[in-house]
Amino acid sequence: MAVSVLMSVYHKEKSEQLNLALESVINQTYRPKEIVLVKDGPLGDALERTIEGFVRRYPDLMKVVALKENQGLGSALSIGLTKCSYEWVARMDSDDIAFPTRFEKQVQFLTKNRTVDILGTNIEEFNRVPGDLKRYKVNPETHEALIKNIQFRSPFNHPTIMFRKEAVLAAGSYSGEILLFEDYTLFLRMMKAGCRFHNLQEVLLYFRIGDGLETIKRRSGLHYAKKELKFVSYALRIQAFSLLQAATYVITKIPIRLLPPKMVLFLYNSFLRKRNI
């Protein structure tokens, strides 16, 4: 089962973090056949040197797609997906670190469960080095449980997914229409298309969160609430949410976006993350 890896990088990423992410992909116990790395606009010298170094070392593995201008994550991934050569595609972010057995365990599951179209895993969040927070984000396991909760939260930790390329393309691929909700909108469309979901109940990726506060700042405030309302409107338009589900989402989520970031971080850590698994 051949696997393509799909990544995107833009100028605000750090070269040392990209290096760690790529090394974790290359050092998998089940190595992918190719890494499709989309350069989402000009990157700067440090990131370019890192990428050039990997291309020199692994010319048969690296496939670099350069975009003249920054187009955003959704558009970059949509373009990159068309360059992926194989049926199965694994997502990876440019600042995370995959466990060495991540792809092996995902491939083993997908080989035995041919009806599954998209497979995620759980994650361990970290600040500076893996293991420093001991904080985990755990999603439900089965298709039914994931769909049941989809009106409240995205069903997958996006950087962990491995998916059937044709299933994603048939559902409309990635889109930059709703900024910051590129993955969530895709999963809604895949649900509508009848795709089968599953989430391995194992932590197979270290997810870089920093101290958490900067991430919360990006995902709170009036600017984010407006984007979230646009997302709800989109979910209604494609009939992924009912009116009741949309109203429930708005009532439960929007007030939280307007709270002080430190309070939001406390709520997330207290109720949406696990300390022991």
Protein backbone atom coordinates (compact mmCIF):
# COMPACT_ATOMS: atom_id res chain seq x y z
CA MET A 1 0.00 0.00 0.00
CA ALA A 2 1.84 3.08 -1.29
CA VAL A 3 1.38 6.32 0.64
CA SER A 4 1.91 9.96 -0.32
CA VAL A 5 2.49 12.54 2.40
CA LEU A 6 0.90 15.96 1.90
CA MET A 7 2.42 18.97 3.66
CA SER A 8 2.27 22.74 3.27
CA VAL A 9 4.71 25.33 4.58
CA TYR A 10 4.61 29.12 4.60
CA HIS A 11 6.99 31.90 5.59
CA LYS A 12 6.03 32.12 9.28
CA GLU A 13 7.11 28.54 9.99
CA LYS A 14 10.49 27.86 11.60
CA SER A 15 13.14 25.93 9.71
CA GLU A 16 14.19 23.84 12.72
CA GLN A 17 10.59 22.73 13.25
CA LEU A 18 10.16 21.84 9.58
CA ASN A 19 13.36 19.81 9.82
CA LEU A 20 11.99 17.81 12.77
CA ALA A 21 8.66 17.24 11.01
CA LEU A 22 10.30 15.96 7.82
CA GLU A 23 12.74 13.75 9.73
CA SER A 24 9.83 12.17 11.62
CA VAL A 25 8.15 11.34 8.30
CA ILE A 26 11.28 9.95 6.66
CA ASN A 27 12.15 7.84 9.70
CA GLN A 28 8.81 6.03 9.77
CA THR A 29 8.88 2.26 10.19
CA TYR A 30 6.60 2.29 7.12
CA ARG A 31 8.21 4.87 4.84
CA PRO A 32 5.98 6.74 2.38
CA LYS A 33 6.67 6.62 -1.35
CA GLU A 34 6.72 10.41 -1.68
CA ILE A 35 6.45 13.64 0.28
CA VAL A 36 4.53 16.35 -1.55
CA LEU A 37 5.64 19.62 0.05
CA VAL A 38 3.78 22.75 -1.05
CA LYS A 39 5.68 26.00 -0.63
CA ASP A 40 2.78 28.38 -0.04
CA GLY A 41 4.41 31.55 -1.36
CA PRO A 42 7.96 32.89 -0.78
CA LEU A 43 9.54 31.32 2.30
CA GLY A 44 12.80 33.02 3.15
CA ASP A 45 16.36 31.71 3.16
CA ALA A 46 16.28 29.47 6.24
CA LEU A 47 13.24 27.45 5.15
CA GLU A 48 14.53 27.24 1.57
CA ARG A 49 17.86 25.86 2.77
CA THR A 50 16.09 23.24 4.89
CA ILE A 51 13.96 22.10 1.95
CA GLU A 52 16.92 22.08 -0.45
CA GLY A 53 18.82 19.90 2.01
CA PHE A 54 16.08 17.28 2.06
CA VAL A 55 15.74 17.37 -1.74
CA ARG A 56 19.49 16.69 -2.07
CA ARG A 57 19.38 13.83 0.44
CA TYR A 58 16.13 12.28 -0.76
CA PRO A 59 15.65 13.23 -4.44
CA ASP A 60 13.38 10.25 -5.14
CA LEU A 61 11.19 10.99 -2.13
CA MET A 62 10.71 14.76 -2.15
CA LYS A 63 8.27 16.41 -4.57
CA VAL A 64 8.24 20.19 -4.04
CA VAL A 65 5.41 22.34 -5.39
CA ALA A 66 6.18 26.08 -5.37
CA LEU A 67 3.36 28.65 -5.37
CA LYS A 68 4.30 32.20 -6.40
CA GLU A 69 2.00 33.76 -3.81
CA ASN A 70 0.62 32.70 -0.44
CA GLN A 71 -2.81 31.18 -1.04
CA GLY A 72 -3.68 29.82 2.39
CA LEU A 73 -3.77 26.29 3.74
CA GLY A 74 -6.93 25.09 2.00
CA SER A 75 -5.86 26.18 -1.48
CA ALA A 76 -2.28 24.96 -0.96
CA LEU A 77 -3.46 21.51 0.11
CA SER A 78 -5.93 21.34 -2.77
CA ILE A 79 -3.14 22.02 -5.25
CA GLY A 80 -0.77 19.63 -3.48
CA LEU A 81 -3.33 16.82 -3.48
CA THR A 82 -3.47 16.85 -7.28
CA LYS A 83 0.29 16.18 -7.27
CA CYS A 84 0.01 13.13 -4.98
CA SER A 85 0.70 9.96 -6.97
CA TYR A 86 -0.86 7.32 -4.77
CA GLU A 87 -4.29 6.20 -3.60
CA TRP A 88 -3.62 6.87 0.07
CA VAL A 89 -2.48 10.26 1.36
CA ALA A 90 -1.24 11.10 4.85
CA ARG A 91 -1.47 14.65 6.14
CA MET A 92 1.35 16.14 8.13
CA ASP A 93 1.87 19.66 9.43
CA SER A 94 5.23 21.37 9.11
CA ASP A 95 5.76 21.86 12.86
CA ASP A 96 4.52 18.57 14.33
CA ILE A 97 6.36 15.30 14.99
CA ALA A 98 4.93 11.93 13.97
CA PHE A 99 5.52 8.87 16.13
CA PRO A 100 7.81 6.42 14.24
CA THR A 101 5.02 3.81 13.94
CA ARG A 102 2.25 6.20 12.88
CA PHE A 103 2.05 5.20 9.20
CA GLU A 104 2.64 1.53 9.92
CA LYS A 105 -0.32 1.37 12.31
CA GLN A 106 -2.59 3.36 10.02
CA VAL A 107 -1.72 1.20 7.01
CA GLN A 108 -2.27 -1.98 9.03
CA PHE A 109 -5.75 -0.80 10.02
CA LEU A 110 -6.73 0.37 6.53
CA THR A 111 -5.52 -2.86 4.95
CA LYS A 112 -7.87 -4.81 7.21
CA ASN A 113 -10.77 -2.33 6.99
CA ARG A 114 -11.27 -1.60 3.32
CA THR A 115 -14.49 0.39 3.76
CA VAL A 116 -12.82 3.18 5.75
CA ASP A 117 -12.05 6.30 3.69
CA ILE A 118 -10.35 8.47 6.31
CA LEU A 119 -8.45 7.46 9.43
CA GLY A 120 -7.19 9.69 12.22
CA THR A 121 -5.35 9.20 15.50
CA ASN A 122 -5.16 10.90 18.88
CA ILE A 123 -2.46 13.44 19.68
CA GLU A 124 -0.22 14.59 22.51
CA GLU A 125 0.18 18.36 22.70
CA PHE A 126 3.56 19.86 23.57
CA ASN A 127 5.17 23.24 24.07
CA ARG A 128 8.94 23.11 23.50
CA VAL A 129 9.75 19.39 23.54
CA PRO A 130 7.48 16.34 23.19
CA GLY A 131 6.14 15.18 26.54
CA ASP A 132 6.49 18.50 28.38
CA LEU A 133 2.74 19.11 28.79
CA LYS A 134 1.37 15.59 29.21
CA ARG A 135 -1.87 16.74 27.60
CA TYR A 136 -3.84 14.69 25.09
CA LYS A 137 -6.63 15.35 22.61
CA VAL A 138 -8.72 12.23 22.20
CA ASN A 139 -11.48 11.80 19.62
CA PRO A 140 -14.18 9.10 19.45
CA GLU A 141 -13.30 5.89 17.65
CA THR A 142 -16.11 4.66 15.44
CA HIS A 143 -17.82 6.22 12.43
CA GLU A 144 -21.10 6.47 14.29
CA ALA A 145 -19.56 8.19 17.31
CA LEU A 146 -17.58 10.61 15.14
CA ILE A 147 -20.67 11.58 13.14
CA LYS A 148 -22.74 11.96 16.30
CA ASN A 149 -20.33 14.62 17.56
CA ILE A 150 -19.61 16.35 14.24
CA GLN A 151 -22.10 19.14 14.94
CA PHE A 152 -20.04 20.19 17.98
CA ARG A 153 -16.45 19.58 16.94
CA SER A 154 -14.30 18.50 14.05
CA PRO A 155 -14.13 14.69 14.07
CA PHE A 156 -10.38 14.43 13.47
CA ASN A 157 -7.07 15.85 14.57
CA HIS A 158 -6.31 17.10 11.06
CA PRO A 159 -2.51 16.52 10.95
CA THR A 160 -3.02 12.84 11.82
CA ILE A 161 -5.35 11.77 9.02
CA MET A 162 -4.65 9.26 6.28
CA PHE A 163 -7.30 9.27 3.56
CA ARG A 164 -8.31 7.82 0.24
CA LYS A 165 -7.38 10.44 -2.37
CA GLU A 166 -10.37 9.81 -4.63
CA ALA A 167 -12.79 10.08 -1.70
CA VAL A 168 -11.49 13.55 -0.85
CA LEU A 169 -11.54 14.68 -4.48
CA ALA A 170 -15.09 13.36 -4.92
CA ALA A 171 -16.16 15.41 -1.87
CA GLY A 172 -14.75 18.59 -3.39
CA SER A 173 -11.18 18.42 -2.03
CA TYR A 174 -9.77 21.08 0.27
CA SER A 175 -11.09 24.60 -0.09
CA GLY A 176 -9.96 28.03 1.02
CA GLU A 177 -13.52 29.35 1.13
CA ILE A 178 -13.85 29.28 4.94
CA LEU A 179 -10.52 30.34 6.46
CA LEU A 180 -9.43 28.40 9.57
CA PHE A 181 -12.10 25.77 8.88
CA GLU A 182 -10.52 24.13 5.83
CA ASP A 183 -10.42 20.69 7.44
CA TYR A 184 -13.80 20.86 9.22
CA THR A 185 -15.65 21.85 6.03
CA LEU A 186 -13.96 19.00 4.15
CA PHE A 187 -15.06 16.49 6.78
CA LEU A 188 -18.64 17.76 6.55
CA ARG A 189 -18.62 17.28 2.78
CA MET A 190 -17.14 13.81 3.16
CA MET A 191 -19.87 12.92 5.63
CA LYS A 192 -22.48 14.14 3.14
CA ALA A 193 -20.83 12.04 0.42
CA GLY A 194 -21.17 8.88 2.51
CA CYS A 195 -17.50 8.42 3.39
CA ARG A 196 -16.61 6.15 6.30
CA PHE A 197 -14.65 7.57 9.25
CA HIS A 198 -12.53 5.95 11.95
CA ASN A 199 -10.12 7.19 14.61
CA LEU A 200 -7.41 4.97 16.09
CA GLN A 201 -7.43 5.10 19.88
CA GLU A 202 -3.69 5.62 20.02
CA VAL A 203 -1.55 8.73 20.33
CA LEU A 204 0.58 8.75 17.17
CA LEU A 205 1.51 12.41 16.76
CA TYR A 206 3.10 15.12 18.87
CA PHE A 207 1.13 18.30 18.15
CA ARG A 208 3.00 21.57 18.70
CA ILE A 209 0.74 23.94 20.64
CA GLY A 210 3.28 26.21 22.33
CA ASP A 211 2.00 27.46 25.68
CA GLY A 212 -1.47 27.37 24.14
CA LEU A 213 -2.21 31.06 24.63
CA GLU A 214 -1.18 32.24 21.16
CA THR A 215 -3.30 29.53 19.56
CA ILE A 216 -6.29 30.59 21.66
CA LYS A 217 -5.75 34.23 20.68
CA ARG A 218 -5.92 33.23 17.00
CA ARG A 219 -9.11 31.28 17.66
CA SER A 220 -10.99 33.75 19.80
CA GLY A 221 -12.21 37.32 19.64
CA LEU A 222 -14.68 38.98 17.32
CA HIS A 223 -12.61 38.25 14.19
CA TYR A 224 -12.77 34.51 14.84
CA ALA A 225 -16.43 34.59 15.86
CA LYS A 226 -17.23 36.12 12.46
CA LYS A 227 -15.37 33.31 10.69
CA GLU A 228 -17.18 30.76 12.83
CA LEU A 229 -20.56 32.22 11.92
CA LYS A 230 -19.53 31.98 8.27
CA PHE A 231 -18.68 28.32 8.87
CA VAL A 232 -22.10 27.65 10.40
CA SER A 233 -23.76 29.36 7.45
CA TYR A 234 -21.75 27.11 5.13
CA ALA A 235 -22.76 23.98 7.07
CA LEU A 236 -26.40 25.00 6.72
CA ARG A 237 -26.00 25.72 3.01
CA ILE A 238 -24.68 22.24 2.26
CA GLN A 239 -27.27 20.74 4.64
CA ALA A 240 -24.64 19.25 6.94
CA PHE A 241 -26.28 20.99 9.93
CA SER A 242 -29.99 21.27 10.65
CA LEU A 243 -31.34 24.60 11.89
CA LEU A 244 -31.43 23.19 15.43
CA GLN A 245 -27.85 21.93 15.19
CA ALA A 246 -26.66 25.28 13.81
CA ALA A 247 -28.43 27.17 16.59
CA THR A 248 -26.95 24.86 19.23
CA TYR A 249 -23.46 25.34 17.77
CA VAL A 250 -23.78 29.12 17.81
CA ILE A 251 -25.21 29.25 21.33
CA THR A 252 -22.49 27.01 22.78
CA LYS A 253 -19.46 28.21 20.80
CA ILE A 254 -19.76 31.92 20.01
CA PRO A 255 -19.95 33.20 23.64
CA ILE A 256 -16.74 31.29 24.42
CA ARG A 257 -14.92 33.07 21.56
CA LEU A 258 -15.62 36.40 23.24
CA LEU A 259 -14.14 35.44 26.62
CA PRO A 260 -10.60 36.54 27.60
CA PRO A 261 -8.03 34.15 26.02
CA LYS A 262 -6.64 33.02 29.38
CA MET A 263 -10.11 31.97 30.51
CA VAL A 264 -10.69 30.11 27.24
CA LEU A 265 -7.36 28.31 27.65
CA PHE A 266 -8.39 27.25 31.17
CA LEU A 267 -11.70 25.86 29.85
CA TYR A 268 -9.99 23.95 27.06
CA ASN A 269 -7.39 22.42 29.36
CA SER A 270 -9.95 21.57 32.03
CA PHE A 271 -12.72 20.07 29.91
CA LEU A 272 -11.48 19.28 26.38
CA ARG A 273 -8.07 17.74 27.08
CA LYS A 274 -7.05 14.65 29.01
CA ARG A 275 -4.13 14.36 31.39
CA ASN A 276 -4.09 10.57 31.44
CA ILE A 277 -4.98 8.05 28.76
